[in-house]
Amino acid sequence: MELKRKIAAVVTSGALLFSSFATPAFAATTIEISGNGTYSNNDATVTTTNTTTVVQSNDANISNNVDVDADTGKNDANDNTGGDVSIETGDVDTEVTVSNTVNSNSANVDCCPTGDTEVLISGNGSDSTNKVKLDQDTDTTLFQDNDAYIYNKVDVDGNTGKNDANDNTGGSVEVTTGDVDTKVAISNAGNVNSAQIGDDSSGGGSVSAWITGNGTGSYNKIKLDLDNSTFLAQSNNAYIHNDVDVDGNTGKNDANDNTGGDVMIDTGDVDVDVDVDNMVNFNVADVDCGCLLSDLLAKISGNGSDSENKIKAYLDESLTVFQDNCAEENDGPYSEGNRDKCGLDNDVDVDADTGKNDAEDNTGTPEGDPSVETGNADVDVNLDNSGNVNVFGEAGDLELPDFDFDFDLDISLDLSDLLSALLGLLG
């Protein structure tokens, strides 16, 4: 069976946080000291600060316990006299689908101040003193965190066997069982963080600093302190335990101690298909915050003799990115006490049985022989653990079906396609 990952399933639980934050724009800022007389002393100090903090967090605690017992067997036809004895069971068809889709954070945050800033010292008289100090700070902090605890327990017992036809006299004895077809599909998907901080279209405004046309012997100084800091932390923790126990049985039939006819046991087939797919822990981030060096102009020109003119610019742009995932194979049994650890534990136990049939101590016609014919036992178990993917840079160019980095919220979160896109990028 091909496991189709769909949100619409037996059990679905999801959490989604989406945020779009535009950094509050600095309006156009003009600082001007001009037209002041001889010996004047002019000082302008301007401080602008913009702080953006985004915190997105999801916690999912899911426990699914599915117990299915489908039985057409365990029939008795014993101690009959005078005719043929026949047991014929129907088929058992069991399908269990568990799908958990949880925990998504999506954020689009601008990181640069907008609006133009102009600093001008011009046309001031001789021997004047003119100073401008501009301090402009922008801090952007984004935290995205997902914590998923998922426990799936599926117990399926499909039985058409365990039939008894013993101690019959007077005719043929026949036991024919139906088929057992069991399909179990478990899909766990989630813990996705996607962040877009700034882009080419959201660059900061221009900064211009001019000292021009001031008189003889004047002292003119512009000091610019421009700081831009971006901090991004993405973290995923997944604790997943899948426990699948499937018993498919068409065998274990008894036809013993019969007298007077042929004896035949004919079992059906057993087909067991188990798919477990874990896709967890994806961090995708793109940061484009070239705020400070995008458009900066500093100019000193046309000032009088013996003037002293200074422009000092301190440009500080910092970027800190943390991407962390935690989901590892856990050899030990899952327990309530290890929720503070990351673990991915798959326990699959399949028993497919068409045998263990008995046709003993039967007495029939001289030309007849007891016959036991078993069906086929076909078991297909697929375990797929995928995740722990960190992608930084150019994430906005990823084509992620149903998890669109254009942040249009048309999200159905098909993480199989997401994984293919991420691994294709890395490969």
Protein backbone atom coordinates (compact mmCIF):
# COMPACT_ATOMS: atom_id res chain seq x y z
CA MET A 1 0.00 0.00 0.00
CA GLU A 2 1.28 3.42 -0.88
CA LEU A 3 0.99 5.73 2.09
CA LYS A 4 -0.64 8.94 1.02
CA ARG A 5 0.17 11.70 3.41
CA LYS A 6 -2.99 13.68 3.91
CA ILE A 7 -4.13 15.85 6.74
CA ALA A 8 -7.69 14.54 6.45
CA ALA A 9 -7.26 11.25 8.26
CA VAL A 10 -8.47 9.35 11.25
CA VAL A 11 -6.65 11.49 13.76
CA THR A 12 -5.38 14.94 12.90
CA SER A 13 -4.11 17.60 15.22
CA GLY A 14 -2.37 20.76 14.07
CA ALA A 15 -1.09 24.05 15.36
CA LEU A 16 -0.09 26.94 13.17
CA LEU A 17 1.32 30.31 14.05
CA PHE A 18 1.82 32.87 11.34
CA SER A 19 3.08 36.39 11.84
CA SER A 20 3.94 39.16 9.48
CA PHE A 21 5.66 42.10 11.09
CA ALA A 22 6.77 45.22 9.29
CA THR A 23 9.37 47.17 11.19
CA PRO A 24 7.74 50.47 12.16
CA ALA A 25 9.06 52.95 9.66
CA PHE A 26 11.19 55.84 10.72
CA ALA A 27 9.67 58.82 8.99
CA ALA A 28 12.02 60.95 6.93
CA THR A 29 14.49 62.52 9.38
CA THR A 30 16.21 65.82 8.65
CA ILE A 31 18.77 67.32 11.01
CA GLU A 32 19.95 70.74 9.90
CA ILE A 33 22.17 73.40 11.45
CA SER A 34 22.33 76.30 9.04
CA GLY A 35 22.40 80.10 8.77
CA ASN A 36 23.75 80.74 12.25
CA GLY A 37 25.88 83.76 13.03
CA THR A 38 29.51 84.31 13.83
CA TYR A 39 30.78 82.71 17.02
CA SER A 40 27.56 80.80 17.52
CA ASN A 41 27.65 77.39 19.20
CA ASN A 42 25.09 74.92 17.81
CA ASP A 43 24.61 71.31 18.90
CA ALA A 44 21.98 68.76 17.76
CA THR A 45 21.66 65.27 19.23
CA VAL A 46 19.09 62.81 17.83
CA THR A 47 18.49 59.23 18.99
CA THR A 48 16.09 56.88 17.21
CA THR A 49 15.52 53.35 18.46
CA ASN A 50 13.38 50.59 16.96
CA THR A 51 13.00 47.19 18.62
CA THR A 52 11.00 44.27 17.23
CA THR A 53 10.63 41.03 19.16
CA VAL A 54 8.63 38.07 17.86
CA VAL A 55 8.12 34.88 19.88
CA GLN A 56 6.29 31.90 18.33
CA SER A 57 5.89 28.68 20.26
CA ASN A 58 3.83 25.51 19.87
CA ASP A 59 3.39 22.54 22.19
CA ALA A 60 1.54 19.44 21.01
CA ASN A 61 0.79 16.44 23.19
CA ILE A 62 -0.97 13.67 21.24
CA SER A 63 -1.74 10.11 22.26
CA ASN A 64 -3.60 7.80 19.88
CA ASN A 65 -4.60 4.31 21.00
CA VAL A 66 -6.31 2.14 18.36
CA ASP A 67 -7.33 -1.46 19.12
CA VAL A 68 -9.04 -3.47 16.36
CA ASP A 69 -10.17 -7.09 16.67
CA ALA A 70 -11.73 -8.46 13.46
CA ASP A 71 -12.64 -12.14 13.71
CA THR A 72 -14.49 -14.53 11.41
CA GLY A 73 -12.67 -17.60 12.69
CA LYS A 74 -12.62 -19.58 15.91
CA ASN A 75 -15.52 -21.74 14.71
CA ASP A 76 -16.25 -25.26 16.01
CA ALA A 77 -17.88 -28.15 14.12
CA ASN A 78 -17.16 -31.16 16.29
CA ASP A 79 -18.70 -34.52 17.14
CA ASN A 80 -21.12 -34.59 14.22
CA THR A 81 -22.47 -37.86 12.77
CA GLY A 82 -24.15 -38.64 9.48
CA GLY A 83 -22.97 -36.15 6.86
CA ASP A 84 -20.34 -33.85 5.52
CA VAL A 85 -18.92 -31.16 7.74
CA SER A 86 -17.82 -27.82 6.32
CA ILE A 87 -16.49 -24.64 7.88
CA GLU A 88 -16.02 -21.70 5.54
CA THR A 89 -15.09 -18.31 6.96
CA GLY A 90 -15.36 -14.92 5.39
CA ASP A 91 -12.58 -12.41 4.80
CA VAL A 92 -11.21 -9.87 7.23
CA ASP A 93 -10.24 -6.49 5.81
CA THR A 94 -8.84 -3.96 8.29
CA GLU A 95 -7.42 -0.53 7.51
CA VAL A 96 -6.15 1.90 10.13
CA THR A 97 -4.80 5.33 9.28
CA VAL A 98 -3.38 7.70 11.88
CA SER A 99 -2.13 11.08 10.75
CA ASN A 100 -0.73 13.73 13.06
CA THR A 101 0.24 17.09 11.62
CA VAL A 102 1.42 19.55 14.23
CA ASN A 103 3.34 22.69 15.01
CA SER A 104 4.18 25.24 12.36
CA ASN A 105 5.59 28.72 12.81
CA SER A 106 5.84 31.18 9.96
CA ALA A 107 7.12 34.74 10.26
CA ASN A 108 7.87 37.58 7.89
CA VAL A 109 9.69 40.43 9.60
CA ASP A 110 11.27 43.58 8.23
CA CYS A 111 14.61 44.41 9.78
CA CYS A 112 15.64 47.78 8.40
CA PRO A 113 14.42 51.24 9.32
CA THR A 114 12.74 52.96 6.41
CA GLY A 115 12.63 56.60 5.54
CA ASP A 116 15.53 58.84 4.54
CA THR A 117 17.81 60.56 7.02
CA GLU A 118 19.61 63.77 6.11
CA VAL A 119 22.13 65.58 8.31
CA LEU A 120 23.22 69.03 7.14
CA ILE A 121 25.58 71.66 8.57
CA SER A 122 25.74 74.57 6.16
CA GLY A 123 25.94 78.33 5.84
CA ASN A 124 27.01 79.04 9.39
CA GLY A 125 29.15 82.05 10.27
CA SER A 126 32.85 82.29 10.84
CA ASP A 127 34.29 80.94 14.05
CA SER A 128 31.02 79.15 14.82
CA THR A 129 30.91 75.71 16.43
CA ASN A 130 28.38 73.25 15.00
CA LYS A 131 27.86 69.63 16.05
CA VAL A 132 25.34 66.92 15.12
CA LYS A 133 25.18 63.54 16.76
CA LEU A 134 22.82 60.92 15.33
CA ASP A 135 22.33 57.57 17.07
CA GLN A 136 20.06 55.17 15.18
CA ASP A 137 19.47 51.65 16.53
CA THR A 138 17.37 48.81 15.09
CA ASP A 139 17.07 45.48 16.91
CA THR A 140 15.12 42.53 15.49
CA THR A 141 14.69 39.34 17.53
CA LEU A 142 12.76 36.29 16.37
CA PHE A 143 12.24 33.10 18.36
CA GLN A 144 10.48 30.07 16.86
CA ASP A 145 10.05 26.93 18.90
CA ASN A 146 8.10 23.69 18.51
CA ASP A 147 7.73 20.87 20.98
CA ALA A 148 5.84 17.74 19.91
CA TYR A 149 5.08 14.67 21.97
CA ILE A 150 3.30 12.02 19.89
CA TYR A 151 2.44 8.52 20.99
CA ASN A 152 0.66 6.17 18.59
CA LYS A 153 -0.37 2.67 19.61
CA VAL A 154 -2.13 0.47 17.06
CA ASP A 155 -3.10 -3.11 17.85
CA VAL A 156 -4.85 -5.06 15.07
CA ASP A 157 -5.94 -8.68 15.31
CA GLY A 158 -7.38 -10.08 12.08
CA ASN A 159 -8.39 -13.70 12.38
CA THR A 160 -10.19 -16.16 10.09
CA GLY A 161 -8.43 -19.22 11.46
CA LYS A 162 -8.42 -21.18 14.70
CA ASN A 163 -11.31 -23.32 13.51
CA ASP A 164 -12.02 -26.83 14.84
CA ALA A 165 -13.65 -29.73 12.97
CA ASN A 166 -12.86 -32.74 15.11
CA ASP A 167 -14.36 -36.13 15.95
CA ASN A 168 -16.88 -36.10 13.12
CA THR A 169 -18.27 -39.35 11.63
CA GLY A 170 -20.03 -40.09 8.37
CA GLY A 171 -18.75 -37.73 5.70
CA SER A 172 -16.06 -35.44 4.39
CA VAL A 173 -14.66 -32.69 6.55
CA GLU A 174 -13.60 -29.40 5.00
CA VAL A 175 -12.27 -26.24 6.62
CA THR A 176 -11.83 -23.25 4.28
CA THR A 177 -10.80 -19.89 5.67
CA GLY A 178 -11.05 -16.48 4.14
CA ASP A 179 -8.27 -13.98 3.60
CA VAL A 180 -6.90 -11.48 6.09
CA ASP A 181 -5.90 -8.10 4.70
CA THR A 182 -4.54 -5.57 7.19
CA LYS A 183 -3.21 -2.11 6.39
CA VAL A 184 -1.78 0.23 8.99
CA ALA A 185 -0.49 3.67 8.05
CA ILE A 186 0.96 6.10 10.58
CA SER A 187 2.16 9.50 9.48
CA ASN A 188 3.68 12.02 11.88
CA ALA A 189 4.58 15.35 10.36
CA GLY A 190 5.40 18.68 11.88
CA ASN A 191 7.76 20.98 13.69
CA VAL A 192 8.33 23.44 10.88
CA ASN A 193 9.87 26.88 11.37
CA SER A 194 10.08 29.24 8.44
CA ALA A 195 11.40 32.75 8.77
CA GLN A 196 11.91 35.55 6.28
CA ILE A 197 13.67 38.54 7.82
CA GLY A 198 13.97 41.41 5.38
CA ASP A 199 14.24 41.11 1.62
CA ASP A 200 15.53 43.01 -1.36
CA SER A 201 12.46 45.20 -1.44
CA SER A 202 12.59 46.25 2.20
CA GLY A 203 16.03 47.80 2.36
CA GLY A 204 16.54 50.77 4.63
CA GLY A 205 16.32 54.37 3.54
CA SER A 206 19.30 56.47 2.59
CA VAL A 207 21.57 58.35 5.00
CA SER A 208 23.22 61.59 3.87
CA ALA A 209 25.66 63.72 5.89
CA TRP A 210 26.81 67.09 4.55
CA ILE A 211 29.19 69.75 5.88
CA THR A 212 29.28 72.50 3.31
CA GLY A 213 29.58 76.28 2.89
CA ASN A 214 30.53 77.14 6.45
CA GLY A 215 32.60 80.19 7.33
CA THR A 216 36.26 80.73 8.01
CA GLY A 217 37.59 79.25 11.22
CA SER A 218 34.40 77.38 11.93
CA TYR A 219 34.40 73.98 13.67
CA ASN A 220 31.93 71.47 12.22
CA LYS A 221 31.43 67.88 13.26
CA ILE A 222 28.92 65.14 12.39
CA LYS A 223 28.95 61.86 14.27
CA LEU A 224 26.85 58.97 13.03
CA ASP A 225 26.32 55.82 15.08
CA LEU A 226 24.20 53.36 13.10
CA ASP A 227 23.55 49.94 14.58
CA ASN A 228 21.50 47.09 13.20
CA SER A 229 21.23 43.80 15.07
CA THR A 230 19.32 40.69 13.99
CA PHE A 231 18.95 37.60 16.16
CA LEU A 232 17.15 34.48 14.93
CA ALA A 233 16.67 31.28 16.92
CA GLN A 234 14.79 28.27 15.53
CA SER A 235 14.38 25.15 17.60
CA ASN A 236 12.46 21.88 17.26
CA ASN A 237 12.10 19.02 19.71
CA ALA A 238 10.23 15.88 18.75
CA TYR A 239 9.40 12.91 20.96
CA ILE A 240 7.70 10.27 18.84
CA HIS A 241 6.88 6.69 19.73
CA ASN A 242 5.05 4.39 17.33
CA ASP A 243 3.96 0.98 18.58
CA VAL A 244 2.35 -1.25 15.96
CA ASP A 245 1.29 -4.82 16.73
CA VAL A 246 -0.40 -6.77 13.92
CA ASP A 247 -1.54 -10.39 14.13
CA GLY A 248 -2.91 -11.77 10.87
CA ASN A 249 -4.01 -15.39 11.15
CA THR A 250 -5.73 -17.81 8.79
CA GLY A 251 -4.03 -20.88 10.21
CA LYS A 252 -4.10 -22.80 13.47
CA ASN A 253 -6.98 -24.96 12.22
CA ASP A 254 -7.65 -28.46 13.55
CA ALA A 255 -9.32 -31.34 11.68
CA ASN A 256 -8.49 -34.38 13.79
CA ASP A 257 -9.96 -37.77 14.63
CA ASN A 258 -12.52 -37.68 11.84
CA THR A 259 -13.92 -40.90 10.33
CA GLY A 260 -15.74 -41.66 7.10
CA GLY A 261 -14.52 -39.23 4.45
CA ASP A 262 -11.86 -36.97 3.08
CA VAL A 263 -10.31 -34.29 5.24
CA MET A 264 -9.20 -30.98 3.80
CA ILE A 265 -7.89 -27.76 5.32
CA ASP A 266 -7.51 -24.85 2.89
CA THR A 267 -6.40 -21.54 4.39
CA GLY A 268 -6.64 -18.13 2.87
CA ASP A 269 -3.86 -15.62 2.39
CA VAL A 270 -2.50 -13.13 4.90
CA ASP A 271 -1.47 -9.73 3.57
CA VAL A 272 -0.06 -7.23 6.06
CA ASP A 273 1.13 -3.77 5.01
CA VAL A 274 2.58 -1.43 7.64
CA ASP A 275 3.83 2.04 6.77
CA VAL A 276 5.33 4.32 9.39
CA ASP A 277 6.49 7.71 8.19
CA ASN A 278 8.01 10.30 10.51
CA MET A 279 8.84 13.69 9.04
CA VAL A 280 9.81 16.17 11.70
CA ASN A 281 12.04 19.13 12.43
CA PHE A 282 12.60 21.57 9.61
CA ASN A 283 14.17 24.99 9.95
CA VAL A 284 14.22 27.29 6.94
CA ALA A 285 15.46 30.87 7.20
CA ASP A 286 16.43 33.66 4.88
CA VAL A 287 17.87 36.91 6.23
CA ASP A 288 18.49 39.90 4.02
CA CYS A 289 19.26 42.95 6.14
CA GLY A 290 21.78 45.04 4.24
CA CYS A 291 20.49 48.10 6.00
CA LEU A 292 23.56 50.18 6.76
CA LEU A 293 25.58 50.08 3.60
CA SER A 294 22.75 50.23 1.09
CA ASP A 295 22.78 54.02 0.56
CA LEU A 296 25.13 56.14 2.67
CA LEU A 297 26.57 59.49 1.56
CA ALA A 298 28.99 61.65 3.58
CA LYS A 299 30.34 64.86 2.07
CA ILE A 300 32.50 67.82 3.23
CA SER A 301 32.86 70.61 0.68
CA GLY A 302 33.10 74.39 0.16
CA ASN A 303 33.99 75.36 3.71
CA GLY A 304 36.08 78.44 4.56
CA SER A 305 39.75 78.66 5.34
CA ASP A 306 41.00 77.50 8.71
CA SER A 307 37.71 75.64 9.29
CA GLU A 308 37.83 72.25 10.95
CA ASN A 309 35.35 69.71 9.64
CA LYS A 310 34.79 66.10 10.75
CA ILE A 311 32.38 63.34 9.85
CA LYS A 312 32.58 60.15 11.89
CA ALA A 313 30.40 57.19 11.02
CA TYR A 314 30.23 54.04 13.14
CA LEU A 315 28.43 51.30 11.27
CA ASP A 316 27.68 48.09 13.14
CA GLU A 317 25.58 45.34 11.60
CA SER A 318 25.37 41.98 13.35
CA LEU A 319 23.54 38.77 12.47
CA THR A 320 23.17 35.79 14.79
CA VAL A 321 21.33 32.64 13.68
CA PHE A 322 20.72 29.48 15.70
CA GLN A 323 19.04 26.46 14.13
CA ASP A 324 18.57 23.38 16.28
CA ASN A 325 16.75 20.09 15.89
CA CYS A 326 16.39 17.20 18.29
CA ALA A 327 15.00 13.82 17.16
CA GLU A 328 17.17 10.75 17.32
CA GLU A 329 16.71 7.00 17.22
CA ASN A 330 16.00 5.77 20.70
CA ASP A 331 16.85 2.12 21.32
CA GLY A 332 15.14 1.93 24.68
CA PRO A 333 11.45 1.62 25.36
CA TYR A 334 9.51 4.83 25.40
CA SER A 335 8.29 5.97 28.76
CA GLU A 336 6.58 8.93 30.33
CA GLY A 337 9.79 9.91 32.03
CA ASN A 338 11.77 10.76 28.91
CA ARG A 339 9.70 13.64 27.64
CA ASP A 340 12.56 15.93 28.44
CA LYS A 341 14.67 14.05 25.90
CA CYS A 342 14.40 13.85 22.17
CA GLY A 343 13.54 10.45 20.83
CA LEU A 344 12.22 8.69 17.76
CA ASP A 345 11.21 5.13 18.56
CA ASN A 346 9.44 2.76 16.16
CA ASP A 347 8.30 -0.62 17.45
CA VAL A 348 6.63 -2.84 14.84
CA ASP A 349 5.60 -6.43 15.61
CA VAL A 350 3.91 -8.41 12.83
CA ASP A 351 2.73 -12.01 13.06
CA ALA A 352 1.38 -13.35 9.77
CA ASP A 353 0.30 -16.98 10.08
CA THR A 354 -1.27 -19.37 7.62
CA GLY A 355 0.29 -22.47 9.12
CA LYS A 356 0.09 -24.42 12.35
CA ASN A 357 -2.77 -26.53 10.98
CA ASP A 358 -3.42 -30.06 12.23
CA ALA A 359 -5.01 -32.92 10.26
CA GLU A 360 -4.25 -35.94 12.38
CA ASP A 361 -5.72 -39.34 13.21
CA ASN A 362 -8.32 -39.14 10.47
CA THR A 363 -9.86 -42.29 8.86
CA GLY A 364 -11.57 -42.01 5.50
CA THR A 365 -12.00 -43.77 2.21
CA PRO A 366 -9.04 -45.86 1.12
CA GLU A 367 -8.34 -43.61 -1.84
CA GLY A 368 -8.64 -40.39 0.12
CA ASP A 369 -5.77 -38.59 1.79
CA PRO A 370 -5.98 -35.76 4.32
CA SER A 371 -5.06 -32.49 2.66
CA VAL A 372 -3.69 -29.29 4.14
CA GLU A 373 -3.17 -26.35 1.80
CA THR A 374 -2.06 -23.04 3.24
CA GLY A 375 -2.34 -19.63 1.68
CA ASN A 376 0.41 -17.11 1.26
CA ALA A 377 1.72 -14.79 3.96
CA ASP A 378 2.81 -11.44 2.55
CA VAL A 379 4.25 -8.85 4.94
CA ASP A 380 5.45 -5.43 3.87
CA VAL A 381 6.85 -3.09 6.52
CA ASN A 382 8.16 0.35 5.59
CA LEU A 383 9.76 2.65 8.13
CA ASP A 384 10.80 6.08 6.98
CA ASN A 385 12.33 8.63 9.33
CA SER A 386 13.09 11.98 7.76
CA GLY A 387 13.90 15.34 9.16
CA ASN A 388 16.41 17.39 11.09
CA VAL A 389 16.95 19.74 8.17
CA ASN A 390 18.37 23.25 8.56
CA VAL A 391 18.42 25.58 5.58
CA PHE A 392 19.80 29.11 5.85
CA GLY A 393 20.04 31.61 3.03
CA GLU A 394 18.01 31.98 -0.14
CA ALA A 395 15.15 30.16 1.51
CA GLY A 396 12.71 32.50 -0.11
CA ASP A 397 13.54 30.93 -3.48
CA LEU A 398 12.37 27.50 -2.36
CA GLU A 399 9.25 26.21 -4.01
CA LEU A 400 7.53 24.57 -1.09
CA PRO A 401 4.13 23.15 -2.06
CA ASP A 402 1.42 23.99 0.44
CA PHE A 403 3.90 25.79 2.68
CA ASP A 404 4.41 28.91 0.68
CA PHE A 405 7.22 31.27 1.59
CA ASP A 406 5.15 34.08 0.14
CA PHE A 407 3.18 33.65 3.35
CA ASP A 408 -0.23 33.65 1.74
CA LEU A 409 -1.46 31.15 4.36
CA ASP A 410 -2.67 28.72 1.71
CA ILE A 411 -1.17 25.98 3.80
CA SER A 412 -2.14 22.31 3.84
CA LEU A 413 1.33 21.33 4.95
CA ASP A 414 2.25 18.34 2.80
CA LEU A 415 5.59 17.65 4.42
CA SER A 416 6.54 14.91 2.01
CA ASP A 417 6.79 17.56 -0.69
CA LEU A 418 8.49 19.90 1.76
CA LEU A 419 11.10 17.28 2.50
CA SER A 420 11.72 16.64 -1.18
CA ALA A 421 12.23 20.34 -1.77
CA LEU A 422 14.59 20.70 1.18
CA LEU A 423 16.65 17.64 0.38
CA GLY A 424 16.77 18.68 -3.26
CA LEU A 425 18.24 21.99 -2.16
CA LEU A 426 20.83 20.30 0.01
CA GLY A 427 21.65 17.54 -2.50
